[in-house]
Amino acid sequence: MIRPYNRVKAVSYAHEWALGRNPRFYDFSGIGGDCTNFASQCLYAGSGVMNYSQTNGWYYIDLNSRAPSWTDVDLLHRFLVTNRFRGPFARETGVESMMPGDIIQLSFVGNNDFNHSPVVVATGSPPQINNILVATHSADHDNYPLSRFNWRQIRFIHILGVYV
């Protein structure tokens, strides 16, 4: 069964925790960055479903019991665009399809080495690089213009729904 992704809940969570840390989740800031952990928390707020598959899952129980896709930029992308079982699913798309609650991934070094996962909290109409606002961790921001990042590559991940 598929249900809609709750973008309002995802964005509300992003605003609530963009400049702080939810004590339910470990803060990875000191060991590689917290951006994808934060993006996953927002996705979970909007989906309400984790995928506990040991091989291809997306879940967080605690620091030592979590799926690699919960905190790794590329593995989160892979989970979202290939998931067909439980949890949120997505497709990679163009900027014009971005909506609040979606994920953008940035590469600051190029070579398809993506290393940042901002969460979209607002877009203009139509969505464009210069009218999208994001929330992020690692460098903590809320309502931050996407255009202020200096990336070499960018990919847009549009959440389509949630498998329950």
N, C-alpha and C. Protein backbone atom coordinates (compact mmCIF):
# COMPACT_ATOMS: atom_id res chain seq x y z
N MET A 1 0.84 -1.18 0.00
CA MET A 1 0.00 0.00 0.00
C MET A 1 0.89 1.25 0.00
N ILE A 2 0.44 2.27 -0.68
CA ILE A 2 1.16 3.54 -0.76
C ILE A 2 0.30 4.63 -0.14
N ARG A 3 0.93 5.48 0.64
CA ARG A 3 0.21 6.65 1.16
C ARG A 3 1.02 7.90 0.84
N PRO A 4 0.39 9.05 0.90
CA PRO A 4 1.11 10.30 0.60
C PRO A 4 2.16 10.61 1.66
N TYR A 5 3.21 11.24 1.21
CA TYR A 5 4.26 11.79 2.08
C TYR A 5 3.72 13.08 2.69
N ASN A 6 3.83 13.23 4.00
CA ASN A 6 3.30 14.41 4.67
C ASN A 6 4.38 15.51 4.69
N ARG A 7 4.32 16.35 3.67
CA ARG A 7 5.32 17.41 3.52
C ARG A 7 5.23 18.45 4.64
N VAL A 8 4.03 18.70 5.13
CA VAL A 8 3.86 19.68 6.22
C VAL A 8 4.60 19.20 7.47
N LYS A 9 4.47 17.92 7.80
CA LYS A 9 5.16 17.39 8.97
C LYS A 9 6.67 17.39 8.77
N ALA A 10 7.13 17.05 7.57
CA ALA A 10 8.58 17.04 7.30
C ALA A 10 9.16 18.44 7.45
N VAL A 11 8.49 19.43 6.90
CA VAL A 11 8.99 20.81 6.97
C VAL A 11 8.88 21.36 8.39
N SER A 12 7.80 21.04 9.07
CA SER A 12 7.65 21.47 10.46
C SER A 12 8.79 20.93 11.32
N TYR A 13 9.13 19.66 11.12
CA TYR A 13 10.24 19.06 11.84
C TYR A 13 11.55 19.77 11.48
N ALA A 14 11.75 20.03 10.21
CA ALA A 14 12.97 20.72 9.77
C ALA A 14 13.12 22.07 10.47
N HIS A 15 12.04 22.84 10.52
CA HIS A 15 12.10 24.15 11.19
C HIS A 15 12.37 24.00 12.69
N GLU A 16 11.74 22.99 13.31
CA GLU A 16 11.88 22.80 14.75
C GLU A 16 13.31 22.45 15.14
N TRP A 17 14.01 21.63 14.32
CA TRP A 17 15.30 21.10 14.72
C TRP A 17 16.48 21.59 13.88
N ALA A 18 16.28 22.49 12.93
CA ALA A 18 17.38 22.95 12.07
C ALA A 18 18.51 23.58 12.87
N LEU A 19 18.19 24.31 13.89
CA LEU A 19 19.22 25.01 14.66
C LEU A 19 19.49 24.35 16.01
N GLY A 20 19.00 23.13 16.17
CA GLY A 20 19.21 22.38 17.41
C GLY A 20 19.31 20.90 17.10
N ARG A 21 19.29 20.08 18.13
CA ARG A 21 19.40 18.63 17.96
C ARG A 21 18.29 17.95 18.76
N ASN A 22 17.60 17.05 18.10
CA ASN A 22 16.62 16.21 18.77
C ASN A 22 17.39 15.18 19.60
N PRO A 23 17.20 15.14 20.91
CA PRO A 23 17.99 14.23 21.74
C PRO A 23 17.72 12.75 21.46
N ARG A 24 16.67 12.44 20.72
CA ARG A 24 16.38 11.04 20.37
C ARG A 24 17.41 10.49 19.38
N PHE A 25 18.12 11.36 18.67
CA PHE A 25 19.06 10.95 17.63
C PHE A 25 20.48 11.41 17.99
N TYR A 26 21.44 10.57 17.70
CA TYR A 26 22.84 10.92 17.92
C TYR A 26 23.22 12.09 17.01
N ASP A 27 24.09 12.95 17.48
CA ASP A 27 24.59 14.08 16.70
C ASP A 27 25.91 13.68 16.06
N PHE A 28 25.92 13.51 14.75
CA PHE A 28 27.10 13.06 14.01
C PHE A 28 28.01 14.22 13.59
N SER A 29 27.76 15.42 14.08
CA SER A 29 28.54 16.58 13.66
C SER A 29 30.04 16.40 13.82
N GLY A 30 30.47 15.78 14.88
CA GLY A 30 31.89 15.64 15.15
C GLY A 30 32.55 14.45 14.47
N ILE A 31 31.75 13.62 13.78
CA ILE A 31 32.32 12.41 13.15
C ILE A 31 31.85 12.28 11.71
N GLY A 32 31.99 13.35 10.95
CA GLY A 32 31.68 13.28 9.53
C GLY A 32 30.53 14.15 9.09
N GLY A 33 29.73 14.63 10.00
CA GLY A 33 28.64 15.52 9.63
C GLY A 33 27.28 14.95 9.96
N ASP A 34 26.34 15.84 10.21
CA ASP A 34 25.00 15.46 10.65
C ASP A 34 23.93 15.73 9.61
N CYS A 35 24.31 16.16 8.41
CA CYS A 35 23.31 16.62 7.44
C CYS A 35 22.36 15.52 6.99
N THR A 36 22.87 14.32 6.70
CA THR A 36 21.99 13.27 6.20
C THR A 36 21.19 12.65 7.33
N ASN A 37 21.75 12.60 8.53
CA ASN A 37 20.99 12.20 9.70
C ASN A 37 19.78 13.13 9.87
N PHE A 38 20.01 14.43 9.76
CA PHE A 38 18.92 15.40 9.87
C PHE A 38 17.92 15.23 8.73
N ALA A 39 18.40 15.05 7.50
CA ALA A 39 17.49 14.83 6.36
C ALA A 39 16.64 13.59 6.60
N SER A 40 17.25 12.52 7.11
CA SER A 40 16.49 11.30 7.39
C SER A 40 15.45 11.53 8.48
N GLN A 41 15.79 12.31 9.49
CA GLN A 41 14.81 12.63 10.53
C GLN A 41 13.61 13.36 9.93
N CYS A 42 13.87 14.30 9.03
CA CYS A 42 12.79 15.03 8.38
C CYS A 42 11.95 14.09 7.52
N LEU A 43 12.61 13.21 6.77
CA LEU A 43 11.90 12.22 5.96
C LEU A 43 11.03 11.32 6.83
N TYR A 44 11.57 10.92 7.97
CA TYR A 44 10.80 10.07 8.88
C TYR A 44 9.59 10.84 9.44
N ALA A 45 9.78 12.11 9.76
CA ALA A 45 8.66 12.91 10.26
C ALA A 45 7.54 12.98 9.22
N GLY A 46 7.90 13.02 7.94
CA GLY A 46 6.91 13.09 6.88
C GLY A 46 6.37 11.75 6.42
N SER A 47 7.07 10.67 6.78
CA SER A 47 6.62 9.34 6.32
C SER A 47 6.07 8.48 7.44
N GLY A 48 6.66 8.59 8.63
CA GLY A 48 6.21 7.80 9.77
C GLY A 48 6.55 6.32 9.66
N VAL A 49 7.35 5.95 8.66
CA VAL A 49 7.67 4.54 8.43
C VAL A 49 9.16 4.39 8.21
N MET A 50 9.77 3.46 8.93
CA MET A 50 11.16 3.08 8.67
C MET A 50 11.16 1.73 7.96
N ASN A 51 12.26 1.43 7.31
CA ASN A 51 12.44 0.16 6.62
C ASN A 51 13.55 -0.59 7.35
N TYR A 52 13.18 -1.65 8.07
CA TYR A 52 14.14 -2.36 8.92
C TYR A 52 14.87 -3.50 8.20
N SER A 53 14.85 -3.52 6.89
CA SER A 53 15.58 -4.53 6.13
C SER A 53 17.07 -4.44 6.46
N GLN A 54 17.68 -5.58 6.76
CA GLN A 54 19.10 -5.60 7.13
C GLN A 54 20.01 -5.30 5.95
N THR A 55 19.58 -5.55 4.73
CA THR A 55 20.45 -5.36 3.57
C THR A 55 20.23 -4.03 2.87
N ASN A 56 19.00 -3.62 2.70
CA ASN A 56 18.71 -2.39 1.94
C ASN A 56 17.83 -1.42 2.71
N GLY A 57 17.85 -1.48 4.02
CA GLY A 57 16.92 -0.70 4.82
C GLY A 57 17.31 0.74 5.05
N TRP A 58 16.41 1.41 5.75
CA TRP A 58 16.59 2.81 6.16
C TRP A 58 15.90 2.94 7.50
N TYR A 59 16.70 2.97 8.58
CA TYR A 59 16.12 3.02 9.91
C TYR A 59 17.15 3.55 10.91
N TYR A 60 16.63 3.97 12.05
CA TYR A 60 17.47 4.42 13.17
C TYR A 60 16.82 3.94 14.45
N ILE A 61 17.57 3.16 15.22
CA ILE A 61 17.14 2.77 16.56
C ILE A 61 18.00 3.51 17.58
N ASP A 62 19.33 3.42 17.38
CA ASP A 62 20.28 4.17 18.18
C ASP A 62 21.60 4.23 17.40
N LEU A 63 22.62 4.81 17.99
CA LEU A 63 23.89 5.00 17.31
C LEU A 63 24.42 3.69 16.70
N ASN A 64 24.30 2.60 17.43
CA ASN A 64 24.86 1.34 16.98
C ASN A 64 23.88 0.43 16.26
N SER A 65 22.66 0.87 16.13
CA SER A 65 21.64 0.08 15.43
C SER A 65 20.89 0.99 14.48
N ARG A 66 21.49 1.16 13.30
CA ARG A 66 20.91 2.02 12.27
C ARG A 66 21.38 1.53 10.91
N ALA A 67 20.61 1.84 9.91
CA ALA A 67 21.01 1.50 8.55
C ALA A 67 22.04 2.52 8.06
N PRO A 68 23.03 2.09 7.29
CA PRO A 68 23.99 3.05 6.73
C PRO A 68 23.31 4.15 5.91
N SER A 69 22.18 3.84 5.28
CA SER A 69 21.48 4.84 4.46
C SER A 69 20.89 5.97 5.30
N TRP A 70 20.77 5.79 6.60
CA TRP A 70 20.22 6.85 7.46
C TRP A 70 21.17 8.05 7.52
N THR A 71 22.49 7.80 7.43
CA THR A 71 23.46 8.87 7.65
C THR A 71 24.42 9.10 6.50
N ASP A 72 24.39 8.29 5.45
CA ASP A 72 25.32 8.43 4.33
C ASP A 72 24.61 9.06 3.13
N VAL A 73 25.18 10.10 2.57
CA VAL A 73 24.56 10.85 1.47
C VAL A 73 24.20 9.94 0.31
N ASP A 74 25.18 9.22 -0.23
CA ASP A 74 24.93 8.39 -1.41
C ASP A 74 24.00 7.22 -1.11
N LEU A 75 24.13 6.62 0.07
CA LEU A 75 23.26 5.50 0.40
C LEU A 75 21.83 5.95 0.64
N LEU A 76 21.62 7.16 1.17
CA LEU A 76 20.26 7.69 1.28
C LEU A 76 19.67 7.87 -0.12
N HIS A 77 20.43 8.44 -1.03
CA HIS A 77 19.96 8.61 -2.41
C HIS A 77 19.57 7.25 -2.99
N ARG A 78 20.46 6.27 -2.87
CA ARG A 78 20.18 4.94 -3.42
C ARG A 78 18.92 4.34 -2.81
N PHE A 79 18.78 4.45 -1.47
CA PHE A 79 17.58 3.91 -0.83
C PHE A 79 16.32 4.57 -1.41
N LEU A 80 16.31 5.88 -1.44
CA LEU A 80 15.10 6.58 -1.86
C LEU A 80 14.70 6.27 -3.30
N VAL A 81 15.66 6.20 -4.21
CA VAL A 81 15.31 6.02 -5.63
C VAL A 81 15.13 4.55 -6.01
N THR A 82 15.49 3.61 -5.12
CA THR A 82 15.28 2.19 -5.44
C THR A 82 14.30 1.51 -4.50
N ASN A 83 13.88 2.17 -3.43
CA ASN A 83 13.00 1.53 -2.45
C ASN A 83 11.68 1.12 -3.08
N ARG A 84 11.29 -0.15 -2.83
CA ARG A 84 10.01 -0.66 -3.30
C ARG A 84 9.30 -1.46 -2.21
N PHE A 85 9.74 -1.26 -0.94
CA PHE A 85 9.20 -2.11 0.12
C PHE A 85 8.49 -1.31 1.21
N ARG A 86 9.21 -0.67 2.11
CA ARG A 86 8.63 0.14 3.19
C ARG A 86 9.40 1.44 3.28
N GLY A 87 8.68 2.50 3.66
CA GLY A 87 9.32 3.79 3.84
C GLY A 87 9.14 4.69 2.63
N PRO A 88 9.76 5.86 2.69
CA PRO A 88 9.62 6.82 1.59
C PRO A 88 10.32 6.32 0.33
N PHE A 89 9.79 6.74 -0.81
CA PHE A 89 10.43 6.45 -2.09
C PHE A 89 10.39 7.70 -2.95
N ALA A 90 11.34 7.78 -3.89
CA ALA A 90 11.54 9.03 -4.62
C ALA A 90 12.06 8.76 -6.01
N ARG A 91 12.20 9.85 -6.76
CA ARG A 91 12.91 9.78 -8.04
C ARG A 91 13.80 11.01 -8.13
N GLU A 92 14.91 10.83 -8.82
CA GLU A 92 15.77 11.97 -9.09
C GLU A 92 15.13 12.75 -10.22
N THR A 93 15.12 14.06 -10.10
CA THR A 93 14.37 14.89 -11.04
C THR A 93 15.09 16.21 -11.27
N GLY A 94 14.43 17.13 -11.93
CA GLY A 94 14.98 18.46 -12.12
C GLY A 94 14.48 19.41 -11.05
N VAL A 95 15.08 20.59 -11.01
CA VAL A 95 14.73 21.59 -10.00
C VAL A 95 13.25 21.96 -10.06
N GLU A 96 12.65 21.90 -11.25
CA GLU A 96 11.27 22.33 -11.41
C GLU A 96 10.27 21.46 -10.65
N SER A 97 10.67 20.27 -10.23
CA SER A 97 9.78 19.37 -9.48
C SER A 97 9.94 19.47 -7.97
N MET A 98 10.85 20.31 -7.50
CA MET A 98 11.11 20.40 -6.07
C MET A 98 9.91 20.97 -5.32
N MET A 99 9.65 20.36 -4.17
CA MET A 99 8.58 20.79 -3.28
C MET A 99 9.12 20.78 -1.85
N PRO A 100 8.52 21.54 -0.95
CA PRO A 100 8.92 21.46 0.45
C PRO A 100 8.86 20.02 0.94
N GLY A 101 9.90 19.62 1.69
CA GLY A 101 10.00 18.26 2.18
C GLY A 101 10.89 17.37 1.32
N ASP A 102 11.23 17.83 0.12
CA ASP A 102 12.13 17.08 -0.74
C ASP A 102 13.57 17.27 -0.27
N ILE A 103 14.48 16.48 -0.87
CA ILE A 103 15.89 16.50 -0.50
C ILE A 103 16.71 16.95 -1.71
N ILE A 104 17.69 17.79 -1.46
CA ILE A 104 18.66 18.17 -2.48
C ILE A 104 20.00 17.66 -2.00
N GLN A 105 20.80 17.11 -2.89
CA GLN A 105 22.13 16.68 -2.50
C GLN A 105 23.18 17.43 -3.31
N LEU A 106 24.23 17.85 -2.62
CA LEU A 106 25.27 18.68 -3.20
C LEU A 106 26.61 17.96 -3.15
N SER A 107 27.41 18.19 -4.18
CA SER A 107 28.80 17.76 -4.18
C SER A 107 29.66 19.01 -4.22
N PHE A 108 30.51 19.16 -3.24
CA PHE A 108 31.41 20.31 -3.19
C PHE A 108 32.74 20.02 -3.89
N VAL A 109 32.96 18.75 -4.25
CA VAL A 109 34.23 18.35 -4.85
C VAL A 109 34.10 17.83 -6.27
N GLY A 110 32.90 17.54 -6.74
CA GLY A 110 32.70 16.99 -8.08
C GLY A 110 32.92 15.49 -8.12
N ASN A 111 33.06 14.96 -9.31
CA ASN A 111 33.31 13.52 -9.52
C ASN A 111 32.21 12.63 -8.93
N ASN A 112 30.97 13.12 -8.90
CA ASN A 112 29.84 12.37 -8.35
C ASN A 112 30.05 11.97 -6.89
N ASP A 113 30.83 12.73 -6.16
CA ASP A 113 31.06 12.52 -4.74
C ASP A 113 30.17 13.51 -3.98
N PHE A 114 28.93 13.10 -3.71
CA PHE A 114 27.97 13.98 -3.05
C PHE A 114 28.19 13.93 -1.54
N ASN A 115 28.15 15.10 -0.90
CA ASN A 115 28.50 15.16 0.51
C ASN A 115 27.65 16.10 1.35
N HIS A 116 26.48 16.48 0.88
CA HIS A 116 25.59 17.31 1.70
C HIS A 116 24.15 17.06 1.28
N SER A 117 23.23 17.03 2.29
CA SER A 117 21.82 16.71 2.03
C SER A 117 20.87 17.74 2.64
N PRO A 118 20.75 18.92 2.06
CA PRO A 118 19.78 19.89 2.58
C PRO A 118 18.34 19.44 2.33
N VAL A 119 17.45 19.89 3.20
CA VAL A 119 16.01 19.61 3.10
C VAL A 119 15.32 20.87 2.59
N VAL A 120 14.50 20.73 1.56
CA VAL A 120 13.77 21.87 1.01
C VAL A 120 12.66 22.26 1.99
N VAL A 121 12.62 23.55 2.38
CA VAL A 121 11.55 24.03 3.27
C VAL A 121 10.63 25.02 2.57
N ALA A 122 11.05 25.58 1.44
CA ALA A 122 10.18 26.51 0.69
C ALA A 122 10.71 26.61 -0.74
N THR A 123 9.79 26.86 -1.66
CA THR A 123 10.17 27.09 -3.06
C THR A 123 9.34 28.23 -3.62
N GLY A 124 9.88 28.84 -4.66
CA GLY A 124 9.10 29.79 -5.42
C GLY A 124 8.28 29.05 -6.46
N SER A 125 7.58 29.80 -7.27
CA SER A 125 6.76 29.20 -8.32
C SER A 125 7.08 29.86 -9.65
N PRO A 126 7.72 29.12 -10.54
CA PRO A 126 8.16 27.73 -10.40
C PRO A 126 9.45 27.65 -9.60
N PRO A 127 9.72 26.46 -9.02
CA PRO A 127 10.97 26.30 -8.27
C PRO A 127 12.19 26.51 -9.16
N GLN A 128 13.14 27.29 -8.66
CA GLN A 128 14.41 27.54 -9.35
C GLN A 128 15.51 27.61 -8.30
N ILE A 129 16.74 27.45 -8.73
CA ILE A 129 17.88 27.49 -7.80
C ILE A 129 17.81 28.74 -6.91
N ASN A 130 17.42 29.88 -7.48
CA ASN A 130 17.47 31.14 -6.73
C ASN A 130 16.24 31.41 -5.87
N ASN A 131 15.26 30.47 -5.82
CA ASN A 131 14.10 30.73 -4.96
C ASN A 131 13.77 29.53 -4.06
N ILE A 132 14.74 28.66 -3.85
CA ILE A 132 14.55 27.52 -2.95
C ILE A 132 15.26 27.82 -1.63
N LEU A 133 14.55 27.57 -0.54
CA LEU A 133 15.11 27.70 0.81
C LEU A 133 15.24 26.31 1.42
N VAL A 134 16.32 26.10 2.17
CA VAL A 134 16.59 24.80 2.76
C VAL A 134 16.89 24.91 4.25
N ALA A 135 16.79 23.77 4.92
CA ALA A 135 17.24 23.61 6.30
C ALA A 135 18.33 22.55 6.29
N THR A 136 19.38 22.75 7.08
CA THR A 136 20.50 21.81 7.09
C THR A 136 21.11 21.69 8.48
N HIS A 137 21.83 20.59 8.66
CA HIS A 137 22.71 20.42 9.81
C HIS A 137 24.14 20.37 9.31
N SER A 138 25.06 20.27 10.21
CA SER A 138 26.51 20.34 10.04
C SER A 138 26.90 21.81 10.00
N ALA A 139 26.54 22.52 8.94
CA ALA A 139 26.45 23.98 9.01
C ALA A 139 24.95 24.22 9.21
N ASP A 140 24.55 24.53 10.44
CA ASP A 140 23.13 24.62 10.76
C ASP A 140 22.50 25.85 10.15
N HIS A 141 21.42 25.62 9.39
CA HIS A 141 20.69 26.71 8.75
C HIS A 141 19.20 26.38 8.70
N ASP A 142 18.39 27.42 8.72
CA ASP A 142 16.96 27.29 8.45
C ASP A 142 16.57 28.43 7.52
N ASN A 143 15.70 28.13 6.57
CA ASN A 143 15.30 29.12 5.55
C ASN A 143 16.53 29.71 4.86
N TYR A 144 17.48 28.87 4.53
CA TYR A 144 18.73 29.29 3.92
C TYR A 144 18.64 29.18 2.41
N PRO A 145 19.02 30.22 1.66
CA PRO A 145 18.94 30.15 0.20
C PRO A 145 19.88 29.09 -0.38
N LEU A 146 19.32 28.19 -1.16
CA LEU A 146 20.13 27.18 -1.83
C LEU A 146 21.24 27.82 -2.66
N SER A 147 20.94 28.94 -3.25
CA SER A 147 21.90 29.61 -4.14
C SER A 147 23.16 30.09 -3.40
N ARG A 148 23.14 30.09 -2.07
CA ARG A 148 24.32 30.55 -1.32
C ARG A 148 25.38 29.46 -1.14
N PHE A 149 25.02 28.20 -1.45
CA PHE A 149 26.01 27.12 -1.42
C PHE A 149 26.87 27.19 -2.66
N ASN A 150 28.10 26.78 -2.53
CA ASN A 150 29.04 26.75 -3.65
C ASN A 150 29.32 25.29 -4.01
N TRP A 151 28.47 24.69 -4.83
CA TRP A 151 28.61 23.28 -5.19
C TRP A 151 29.17 23.11 -6.60
N ARG A 152 29.66 21.91 -6.86
CA ARG A 152 30.11 21.54 -8.21
C ARG A 152 29.07 20.70 -8.91
N GLN A 153 28.31 19.92 -8.14
CA GLN A 153 27.23 19.11 -8.70
C GLN A 153 26.04 19.18 -7.75
N ILE A 154 24.85 18.99 -8.32
CA ILE A 154 23.63 19.03 -7.53
C ILE A 154 22.68 17.98 -8.08
N ARG A 155 21.94 17.35 -7.17
CA ARG A 155 20.87 16.44 -7.61
C ARG A 155 19.63 16.70 -6.75
N PHE A 156 18.50 16.54 -7.37
CA PHE A 156 17.21 16.84 -6.77
C PHE A 156 16.44 15.54 -6.57
N ILE A 157 16.01 15.29 -5.34
CA ILE A 157 15.30 14.06 -5.01
C ILE A 157 13.88 14.41 -4.59
N HIS A 158 12.93 14.05 -5.43
CA HIS A 158 11.53 14.36 -5.20
C HIS A 158 10.84 13.14 -4.56
N ILE A 159 10.33 13.31 -3.36
CA ILE A 159 9.65 12.21 -2.66
C ILE A 159 8.27 12.01 -3.29
N LEU A 160 8.02 10.78 -3.70
CA LEU A 160 6.77 10.43 -4.40
C LEU A 160 5.69 9.93 -3.46
N GLY A 161 6.08 9.27 -2.39
CA GLY A 161 5.10 8.69 -1.47
C GLY A 161 5.80 7.80 -0.46
N VAL A 162 4.99 7.00 0.24
CA VAL A 162 5.48 6.15 1.31
C VAL A 162 4.86 4.77 1.16
N TYR A 163 5.70 3.74 1.11
CA TYR A 163 5.21 2.37 1.17
C TYR A 163 4.97 2.02 2.63
N VAL A 164 3.77 1.51 2.92
CA VAL A 164 3.43 1.12 4.31
C VAL A 164 3.11 -0.36 4.37
